[in-house]
Amino acid sequence: MGATSKRIERVNKRRESSRASWAQRISLPVLVSSLLLIAYGCVVVWSASLTIADASFPRHLLGVALGLGLAVGMWRLDFRGLANMSTTLLIIDLIVIFLPYVPGLSHNAKGLTGWVKIPLIGLTFQPVELAKLITAFFMASLAAQFNGKIDSIRDYIRLCLMLAVPFGAVIVAGDLGSGLVIFAGGAVIICMSGPRREWVLSTVALLVGLVSLLLAADSLLDSLLGHDVLIKQYQMNRLLVFLNPDADTTGAGYNLLQSLIAVGSGGFFGKGIGNTSQAGRGFLPEAHTDFIFALLSETFGFVGAALLLILFALLLFSTIRVIHRSDSLFLKFVGAGIIGMWTFQIFENIGMCMGLMPITGIPLPFISFGSSSMMMQCATVGIVQSIWRYRSKPA
């Protein structure tokens, strides 16, 4: 009996050690919240596939499977070695951004050049999704050099100008929405690096002035030359229509009006899977991608939308806990950039569907249909888990 008790005790100790080891290597709240979001997204896309031909559920599952594989790969990597590779990261970033313009790789979708076709397997991928993550690492490597405190206005300006390089490259490539996501993530990293408050406020005021000047100059050039110069007219309409969607009910305002109807008609518990009218009958374009929150709200109502926000909040606050526990300033900044990108995409997409934000075509993380977006969202979760795994300084 004594020998048996000792064996049982040893087995229990090994089990407890194994549980402790997994807890040391994986952040359970991040894992659970991200998996629940992915599962929720699968349910929403499956419901969309019942009435929308382009919402291929098998293709969505393929993106999830590839994304989960990427997440595991990212989790196993130690990214601390990238802290001193800012120049290399910037070069790779620019190559990835302009990859769709390489002959033989370029692939057009819906009249836009933003995808590449992967040789041999024939799948398409949107490189700008990868560029978002590379930019986060690039900005984190620069910001970590100042040890959390920027003392010189010159260094602050240098950081801002460095962010302007990938941001400007994405804008030149014609993807305003992705450019704004990159800007949001980089801006959070810069703010985390310890600049003075007056520098940040002055930058915000300067950006507002520059954007106003750009819009005025673009309007003047368009009228003088008789054609769009900097900003296409449809892009301008999408950005400004949220101010008054009734002004253009057959053009740019149509999608927004249909989205508002879908969100409002869902009620408290929603209409149920397969019973949507706006998305199911084709009134709401891009219901499975850009306006998927409207589809979700119409299907599952206020309860479904509230559940989504709770899961997003759990993911964001769990990630904040992860970066707070990290000993690496570089990894802290990477995690902050990821949080910035997630937060901006969530607020922009949901706000867009509710008429509170401009229409930019930014997908809803983990929910919108799209293999490229899903793969990179899963990769970000893997990176966050890697930050948790390697949160302590090496002995």
Protein backbone atom coordinates (compact mmCIF):
# COMPACT_ATOMS: atom_id res chain seq x y z
CA MET A 1 0.00 0.00 0.00
CA GLY A 2 2.88 2.35 0.81
CA ALA A 3 4.53 1.83 -2.60
CA THR A 4 1.21 2.36 -4.38
CA SER A 5 0.60 5.61 -2.53
CA LYS A 6 4.04 6.88 -3.48
CA ARG A 7 3.45 6.06 -7.15
CA ILE A 8 0.12 7.89 -7.10
CA GLU A 9 1.79 10.85 -5.42
CA ARG A 10 4.54 10.93 -8.08
CA VAL A 11 1.93 10.78 -10.87
CA ASN A 12 -0.04 13.64 -9.30
CA LYS A 13 3.12 15.72 -8.97
CA ARG A 14 3.98 15.14 -12.65
CA ARG A 15 0.48 16.17 -13.65
CA GLU A 16 0.66 19.32 -11.54
CA SER A 17 4.09 20.10 -13.01
CA SER A 18 2.74 19.58 -16.52
CA ARG A 19 -0.20 21.94 -15.86
CA ALA A 20 2.15 24.55 -14.41
CA SER A 21 4.44 24.17 -17.42
CA TRP A 22 1.57 24.79 -19.85
CA ALA A 23 0.41 27.77 -17.81
CA GLN A 24 3.93 29.19 -18.08
CA ARG A 25 3.96 28.80 -21.87
CA ILE A 26 0.38 29.70 -22.83
CA SER A 27 -1.88 32.56 -21.78
CA LEU A 28 -5.18 30.77 -21.28
CA PRO A 29 -7.42 33.89 -21.42
CA VAL A 30 -5.90 34.94 -24.77
CA LEU A 31 -6.23 31.41 -26.12
CA VAL A 32 -9.84 30.94 -25.00
CA SER A 33 -11.06 34.36 -26.16
CA SER A 34 -9.38 34.05 -29.57
CA LEU A 35 -10.69 30.53 -30.16
CA LEU A 36 -14.21 31.60 -29.18
CA LEU A 37 -13.98 34.56 -31.58
CA ILE A 38 -12.80 32.27 -34.39
CA ALA A 39 -15.63 29.84 -33.66
CA TYR A 40 -18.15 32.69 -33.55
CA GLY A 41 -16.83 33.94 -36.86
CA CYS A 42 -17.25 30.48 -38.38
CA VAL A 43 -20.89 30.41 -37.28
CA VAL A 44 -21.52 33.86 -38.78
CA VAL A 45 -19.80 33.04 -42.07
CA TRP A 46 -21.65 29.72 -42.27
CA SER A 47 -24.94 31.57 -41.80
CA ALA A 48 -23.89 33.98 -44.56
CA SER A 49 -22.98 31.10 -46.88
CA LEU A 50 -26.60 29.89 -46.79
CA THR A 51 -27.73 32.90 -48.82
CA ILE A 52 -24.52 34.51 -50.22
CA ALA A 53 -22.74 32.60 -52.97
CA ASP A 54 -19.38 34.35 -52.45
CA ALA A 55 -19.26 33.39 -48.76
CA SER A 56 -17.61 30.01 -49.29
CA PHE A 57 -17.61 28.27 -45.92
CA PRO A 58 -15.03 25.59 -46.92
CA ARG A 59 -12.69 28.37 -48.03
CA HIS A 60 -13.20 30.14 -44.72
CA LEU A 61 -12.38 26.94 -42.85
CA LEU A 62 -9.22 26.59 -44.95
CA GLY A 63 -8.16 30.08 -43.84
CA VAL A 64 -8.85 29.13 -40.21
CA ALA A 65 -6.83 25.91 -40.52
CA LEU A 66 -3.87 27.70 -42.11
CA GLY A 67 -4.16 30.47 -39.52
CA LEU A 68 -4.11 28.05 -36.59
CA GLY A 69 -1.00 26.44 -38.07
CA LEU A 70 0.61 29.88 -38.34
CA ALA A 71 -0.37 30.65 -34.74
CA VAL A 72 1.41 27.55 -33.48
CA GLY A 73 4.47 28.45 -35.54
CA MET A 74 4.52 32.00 -34.17
CA TRP A 75 4.09 30.71 -30.61
CA ARG A 76 7.21 28.57 -30.92
CA LEU A 77 9.41 31.46 -32.13
CA ASP A 78 11.36 33.82 -29.88
CA PHE A 79 11.04 37.27 -31.48
CA ARG A 80 13.45 39.04 -29.15
CA GLY A 81 16.20 38.59 -31.72
CA LEU A 82 14.44 41.06 -34.05
CA ALA A 83 14.91 43.97 -31.65
CA ASN A 84 18.02 45.24 -33.45
CA MET A 85 16.92 44.57 -37.04
CA SER A 86 14.95 47.73 -37.85
CA THR A 87 16.61 48.33 -41.24
CA THR A 88 16.06 44.75 -42.37
CA LEU A 89 12.45 44.84 -41.19
CA LEU A 90 11.78 48.06 -43.12
CA ILE A 91 13.22 46.63 -46.35
CA ILE A 92 11.15 43.45 -45.99
CA ASP A 93 8.09 45.55 -45.17
CA LEU A 94 8.37 47.60 -48.36
CA ILE A 95 9.00 44.50 -50.48
CA VAL A 96 5.87 42.85 -49.07
CA ILE A 97 3.73 45.97 -49.61
CA PHE A 98 4.64 46.22 -53.30
CA LEU A 99 4.66 42.46 -53.93
CA PRO A 100 1.29 42.57 -55.75
CA TYR A 101 2.91 44.68 -58.48
CA VAL A 102 5.53 42.06 -59.32
CA PRO A 103 4.79 40.56 -62.76
CA GLY A 104 3.76 36.95 -62.51
CA LEU A 105 2.55 37.25 -58.92
CA SER A 106 -0.04 40.01 -59.23
CA HIS A 107 -3.69 39.04 -58.97
CA ASN A 108 -6.67 41.36 -59.45
CA ALA A 109 -9.78 41.01 -57.30
CA LYS A 110 -12.84 43.20 -57.83
CA GLY A 111 -10.78 45.52 -60.04
CA LEU A 112 -8.10 46.09 -57.38
CA THR A 113 -4.45 45.04 -57.44
CA GLY A 114 -3.73 44.00 -53.89
CA TRP A 115 -3.34 40.24 -54.01
CA VAL A 116 -0.71 37.76 -55.11
CA LYS A 117 -1.32 34.28 -56.41
CA ILE A 118 0.87 31.75 -54.68
CA PRO A 119 2.64 29.57 -57.28
CA LEU A 120 1.81 25.85 -57.56
CA ILE A 121 -1.13 25.84 -55.10
CA GLY A 122 -3.08 28.65 -56.82
CA LEU A 123 -4.28 30.31 -53.61
CA THR A 124 -4.41 34.10 -53.40
CA PHE A 125 -3.04 36.16 -50.52
CA GLN A 126 -3.18 39.84 -49.59
CA PRO A 127 0.41 40.82 -48.64
CA VAL A 128 -0.63 44.03 -46.86
CA GLU A 129 -2.02 41.86 -44.04
CA LEU A 130 1.51 40.57 -43.43
CA ALA A 131 2.89 44.11 -43.76
CA LYS A 132 0.77 45.17 -40.78
CA LEU A 133 2.64 42.75 -38.52
CA ILE A 134 6.05 43.56 -39.98
CA THR A 135 5.41 47.27 -39.39
CA ALA A 136 4.58 46.56 -35.74
CA PHE A 137 7.95 44.80 -35.32
CA PHE A 138 9.73 47.58 -37.24
CA MET A 139 8.29 50.38 -35.10
CA ALA A 140 8.85 48.39 -31.90
CA SER A 141 12.53 47.91 -32.77
CA LEU A 142 12.92 51.67 -33.23
CA ALA A 143 10.97 52.65 -30.12
CA ALA A 144 12.81 50.16 -27.88
CA GLN A 145 16.04 52.07 -28.51
CA PHE A 146 14.83 54.89 -26.25
CA ASN A 147 14.10 52.66 -23.22
CA GLY A 148 10.58 54.02 -22.78
CA LYS A 149 11.50 57.70 -22.63
CA ILE A 150 12.03 59.99 -25.64
CA ASP A 151 13.90 63.06 -24.41
CA SER A 152 14.50 64.77 -27.75
CA ILE A 153 11.94 66.24 -30.13
CA ARG A 154 14.32 65.19 -32.90
CA ASP A 155 13.99 61.52 -31.91
CA TYR A 156 10.21 61.86 -31.72
CA ILE A 157 10.06 63.35 -35.21
CA ARG A 158 12.33 60.58 -36.46
CA LEU A 159 9.94 57.95 -35.12
CA CYS A 160 6.98 59.67 -36.76
CA LEU A 161 8.80 59.92 -40.10
CA MET A 162 9.74 56.24 -39.92
CA LEU A 163 6.07 55.34 -39.45
CA ALA A 164 5.22 57.53 -42.43
CA VAL A 165 7.34 55.29 -44.71
CA PRO A 166 5.23 52.07 -44.57
CA PHE A 167 2.04 54.10 -44.11
CA GLY A 168 2.77 56.15 -47.21
CA ALA A 169 3.78 53.05 -49.17
CA VAL A 170 0.42 51.38 -48.44
CA ILE A 171 -1.45 54.55 -49.42
CA VAL A 172 0.51 54.72 -52.69
CA ALA A 173 -0.39 51.08 -53.26
CA GLY A 174 -4.05 52.15 -53.06
CA ASP A 175 -5.22 50.63 -49.77
CA LEU A 176 -6.37 53.43 -47.48
CA GLY A 177 -8.05 51.13 -44.95
CA SER A 178 -4.96 49.00 -44.37
CA GLY A 179 -2.84 52.16 -44.23
CA LEU A 180 -4.99 53.46 -41.38
CA VAL A 181 -4.59 50.16 -39.50
CA ILE A 182 -0.81 50.38 -39.87
CA PHE A 183 -0.90 54.01 -38.74
CA ALA A 184 -2.99 53.14 -35.67
CA GLY A 185 -0.65 50.36 -34.56
CA GLY A 186 2.46 52.47 -35.11
CA ALA A 187 0.93 55.49 -33.36
CA VAL A 188 0.21 53.42 -30.25
CA ILE A 189 3.84 52.24 -30.18
CA ILE A 190 5.09 55.82 -30.50
CA CYS A 191 2.81 56.99 -27.69
CA MET A 192 4.04 54.10 -25.52
CA SER A 193 7.68 55.08 -26.09
CA GLY A 194 7.45 58.09 -23.76
CA PRO A 195 7.04 61.29 -25.83
CA ARG A 196 5.85 64.47 -24.16
CA ARG A 197 2.11 65.12 -24.23
CA GLU A 198 2.46 68.44 -26.03
CA TRP A 199 4.41 66.77 -28.84
CA VAL A 200 1.61 64.26 -29.38
CA LEU A 201 -1.12 66.90 -29.28
CA SER A 202 0.82 69.08 -31.71
CA THR A 203 1.18 66.10 -34.05
CA VAL A 204 -2.56 65.44 -33.96
CA ALA A 205 -3.30 69.09 -34.77
CA LEU A 206 -0.74 69.03 -37.58
CA LEU A 207 -2.24 65.86 -39.07
CA VAL A 208 -5.74 67.34 -39.00
CA GLY A 209 -4.44 70.43 -40.79
CA LEU A 210 -2.53 68.39 -43.38
CA VAL A 211 -5.54 66.18 -44.12
CA SER A 212 -7.77 69.25 -44.53
CA LEU A 213 -5.19 70.84 -46.82
CA LEU A 214 -4.85 67.63 -48.83
CA LEU A 215 -8.61 67.33 -49.35
CA ALA A 216 -8.86 70.98 -50.41
CA ALA A 217 -5.90 70.66 -52.79
CA ASP A 218 -7.28 67.44 -54.26
CA SER A 219 -10.68 69.04 -54.89
CA LEU A 220 -9.02 72.01 -56.59
CA LEU A 221 -6.83 69.82 -58.79
CA ASP A 222 -9.78 67.64 -59.76
CA SER A 223 -11.78 70.67 -60.90
CA LEU A 224 -8.84 72.16 -62.84
CA LEU A 225 -7.73 68.96 -64.58
CA GLY A 226 -11.15 67.39 -65.00
CA HIS A 227 -10.26 64.03 -63.42
CA ASP A 228 -9.33 62.48 -60.06
CA VAL A 229 -5.73 63.18 -59.03
CA LEU A 230 -4.98 62.04 -55.48
CA ILE A 231 -8.19 60.62 -54.03
CA LYS A 232 -10.71 58.84 -56.21
CA GLN A 233 -14.24 60.18 -56.05
CA TYR A 234 -15.67 56.87 -54.86
CA GLN A 235 -13.10 56.87 -52.02
CA MET A 236 -14.12 60.39 -51.02
CA ASN A 237 -17.80 59.41 -51.08
CA ARG A 238 -17.17 56.38 -48.86
CA LEU A 239 -15.24 58.47 -46.35
CA LEU A 240 -17.81 61.26 -46.06
CA VAL A 241 -21.13 59.49 -46.59
CA PHE A 242 -21.49 58.61 -42.88
CA LEU A 243 -22.08 62.32 -42.21
CA ASN A 244 -25.29 62.22 -44.26
CA PRO A 245 -26.17 58.83 -45.77
CA ASP A 246 -29.53 60.15 -47.04
CA ALA A 247 -27.69 62.46 -49.46
CA ASP A 248 -26.76 59.57 -51.76
CA THR A 249 -29.18 56.71 -51.27
CA THR A 250 -28.37 55.05 -54.61
CA GLY A 251 -24.57 55.35 -54.43
CA ALA A 252 -22.16 55.43 -51.52
CA GLY A 253 -24.96 55.95 -48.98
CA TYR A 254 -26.87 52.84 -50.07
CA ASN A 255 -24.63 50.34 -48.24
CA LEU A 256 -24.73 52.37 -45.06
CA LEU A 257 -28.53 52.70 -45.08
CA GLN A 258 -28.92 48.96 -45.62
CA SER A 259 -26.44 48.30 -42.82
CA LEU A 260 -28.38 50.54 -40.42
CA ILE A 261 -31.61 48.74 -41.34
CA ALA A 262 -29.96 45.34 -40.74
CA VAL A 263 -28.54 46.35 -37.35
CA GLY A 264 -31.84 47.87 -36.21
CA SER A 265 -34.06 45.05 -37.48
CA GLY A 266 -32.20 42.40 -35.48
CA GLY A 267 -33.93 43.43 -32.28
CA PHE A 268 -32.89 41.85 -29.01
CA PHE A 269 -32.44 38.20 -30.01
CA GLY A 270 -32.11 38.52 -33.79
CA LYS A 271 -33.95 36.85 -36.65
CA GLY A 272 -32.04 33.60 -36.48
CA ILE A 273 -29.70 31.83 -38.87
CA GLY A 274 -30.91 31.89 -42.46
CA ASN A 275 -33.74 34.35 -41.76
CA THR A 276 -32.01 37.65 -42.51
CA SER A 277 -33.72 39.96 -44.98
CA GLN A 278 -31.14 42.66 -45.73
CA ALA A 279 -28.19 40.32 -46.17
CA GLY A 280 -30.11 37.21 -47.17
CA ARG A 281 -32.01 38.89 -49.98
CA GLY A 282 -29.02 40.76 -51.35
CA PHE A 283 -29.96 44.26 -50.18
CA LEU A 284 -26.74 44.64 -48.16
CA PRO A 285 -23.62 44.28 -50.34
CA GLU A 286 -20.44 42.79 -48.84
CA ALA A 287 -22.45 41.43 -45.92
CA HIS A 288 -19.93 38.64 -45.31
CA THR A 289 -16.85 40.91 -45.37
CA ASP A 290 -17.00 44.68 -44.75
CA PHE A 291 -20.50 44.74 -43.24
CA ILE A 292 -20.41 41.44 -41.38
CA PHE A 293 -21.26 43.14 -38.06
CA ALA A 294 -24.57 44.22 -39.62
CA LEU A 295 -25.19 40.62 -40.68
CA LEU A 296 -24.27 39.37 -37.20
CA SER A 297 -26.59 41.92 -35.55
CA GLU A 298 -29.48 41.04 -37.83
CA THR A 299 -28.96 37.32 -37.22
CA PHE A 300 -28.27 37.29 -33.47
CA GLY A 301 -29.57 40.69 -32.38
CA PHE A 302 -28.37 42.78 -29.48
CA VAL A 303 -27.44 39.67 -27.47
CA GLY A 304 -25.15 38.41 -30.24
CA ALA A 305 -23.53 41.82 -30.68
CA ALA A 306 -22.99 42.15 -26.93
CA LEU A 307 -21.40 38.70 -26.79
CA LEU A 308 -19.02 39.71 -29.58
CA LEU A 309 -17.97 42.86 -27.70
CA ILE A 310 -17.41 40.86 -24.50
CA LEU A 311 -15.12 38.43 -26.34
CA PHE A 312 -13.19 41.31 -27.92
CA ALA A 313 -12.82 42.99 -24.52
CA LEU A 314 -11.54 39.74 -22.99
CA LEU A 315 -8.98 39.37 -25.77
CA LEU A 316 -7.76 42.97 -25.53
CA PHE A 317 -7.47 43.06 -21.72
CA SER A 318 -5.81 39.63 -21.67
CA THR A 319 -3.25 40.85 -24.19
CA ILE A 320 -2.62 43.96 -22.10
CA ARG A 321 -1.88 41.63 -19.17
CA VAL A 322 0.53 39.65 -21.33
CA ILE A 323 2.59 42.67 -22.39
CA HIS A 324 2.51 44.06 -18.86
CA ARG A 325 4.20 40.87 -17.61
CA SER A 326 6.91 40.90 -20.29
CA ASP A 327 10.47 41.85 -19.32
CA SER A 328 11.35 42.78 -22.91
CA LEU A 329 10.58 46.38 -23.85
CA PHE A 330 10.69 45.39 -27.51
CA LEU A 331 8.03 42.70 -27.03
CA LYS A 332 5.93 45.12 -24.98
CA PHE A 333 5.91 47.51 -27.93
CA VAL A 334 5.07 44.72 -30.40
CA GLY A 335 2.11 43.71 -28.23
CA ALA A 336 1.02 47.35 -27.92
CA GLY A 337 1.07 47.68 -31.71
CA ILE A 338 -1.08 44.56 -32.05
CA ILE A 339 -3.55 45.91 -29.49
CA GLY A 340 -3.66 49.22 -31.38
CA MET A 341 -4.42 47.51 -34.68
CA TRP A 342 -7.08 45.24 -33.16
CA THR A 343 -8.77 48.12 -31.35
CA PHE A 344 -8.82 50.36 -34.41
CA GLN A 345 -10.24 47.62 -36.64
CA ILE A 346 -12.94 46.75 -34.12
CA PHE A 347 -14.08 50.33 -33.56
CA GLU A 348 -13.81 51.24 -37.25
CA ASN A 349 -15.72 48.22 -38.58
CA ILE A 350 -18.49 48.32 -35.97
CA GLY A 351 -18.70 52.11 -36.15
CA MET A 352 -18.84 51.93 -39.95
CA CYS A 353 -21.78 49.52 -39.82
CA MET A 354 -23.62 51.81 -37.39
CA GLY A 355 -22.97 55.05 -39.27
CA LEU A 356 -20.53 56.39 -36.68
CA MET A 357 -17.31 56.02 -38.69
CA PRO A 358 -16.30 56.48 -42.34
CA ILE A 359 -16.65 53.49 -44.67
CA THR A 360 -13.13 52.19 -45.28
CA GLY A 361 -13.55 48.48 -46.02
CA ILE A 362 -11.63 47.33 -42.93
CA PRO A 363 -12.54 43.73 -41.94
CA LEU A 364 -13.71 42.77 -38.47
CA PRO A 365 -10.94 40.71 -36.81
CA PHE A 366 -11.64 36.95 -36.56
CA ILE A 367 -15.18 37.42 -37.92
CA SER A 368 -15.07 38.74 -41.49
CA PHE A 369 -14.76 36.32 -44.39
CA GLY A 370 -11.30 36.37 -45.95
CA SER A 371 -8.44 33.89 -45.70
CA SER A 372 -5.64 36.48 -45.70
CA SER A 373 -7.16 38.43 -42.83
CA MET A 374 -7.97 35.29 -40.84
CA MET A 375 -4.47 33.88 -41.25
CA MET A 376 -2.84 37.09 -40.04
CA GLN A 377 -5.26 37.50 -37.12
CA CYS A 378 -4.39 34.00 -35.98
CA ALA A 379 -0.70 34.81 -36.44
CA THR A 380 -1.07 37.83 -34.14
CA VAL A 381 -2.53 35.56 -31.46
CA GLY A 382 0.50 33.30 -31.90
CA ILE A 383 2.78 36.31 -31.48
CA VAL A 384 0.98 37.33 -28.29
CA GLN A 385 1.39 33.80 -26.99
CA SER A 386 5.09 33.94 -27.88
CA ILE A 387 5.38 37.18 -25.89
CA TRP A 388 3.86 35.34 -22.92
CA ARG A 389 6.10 32.30 -23.42
CA TYR A 390 9.29 34.38 -23.55
CA ARG A 391 8.18 37.08 -21.13
CA SER A 392 11.11 36.52 -18.76
CA LYS A 393 14.65 37.56 -19.52
CA PRO A 394 16.95 34.63 -20.35
CA ALA A 395 19.04 33.52 -17.43
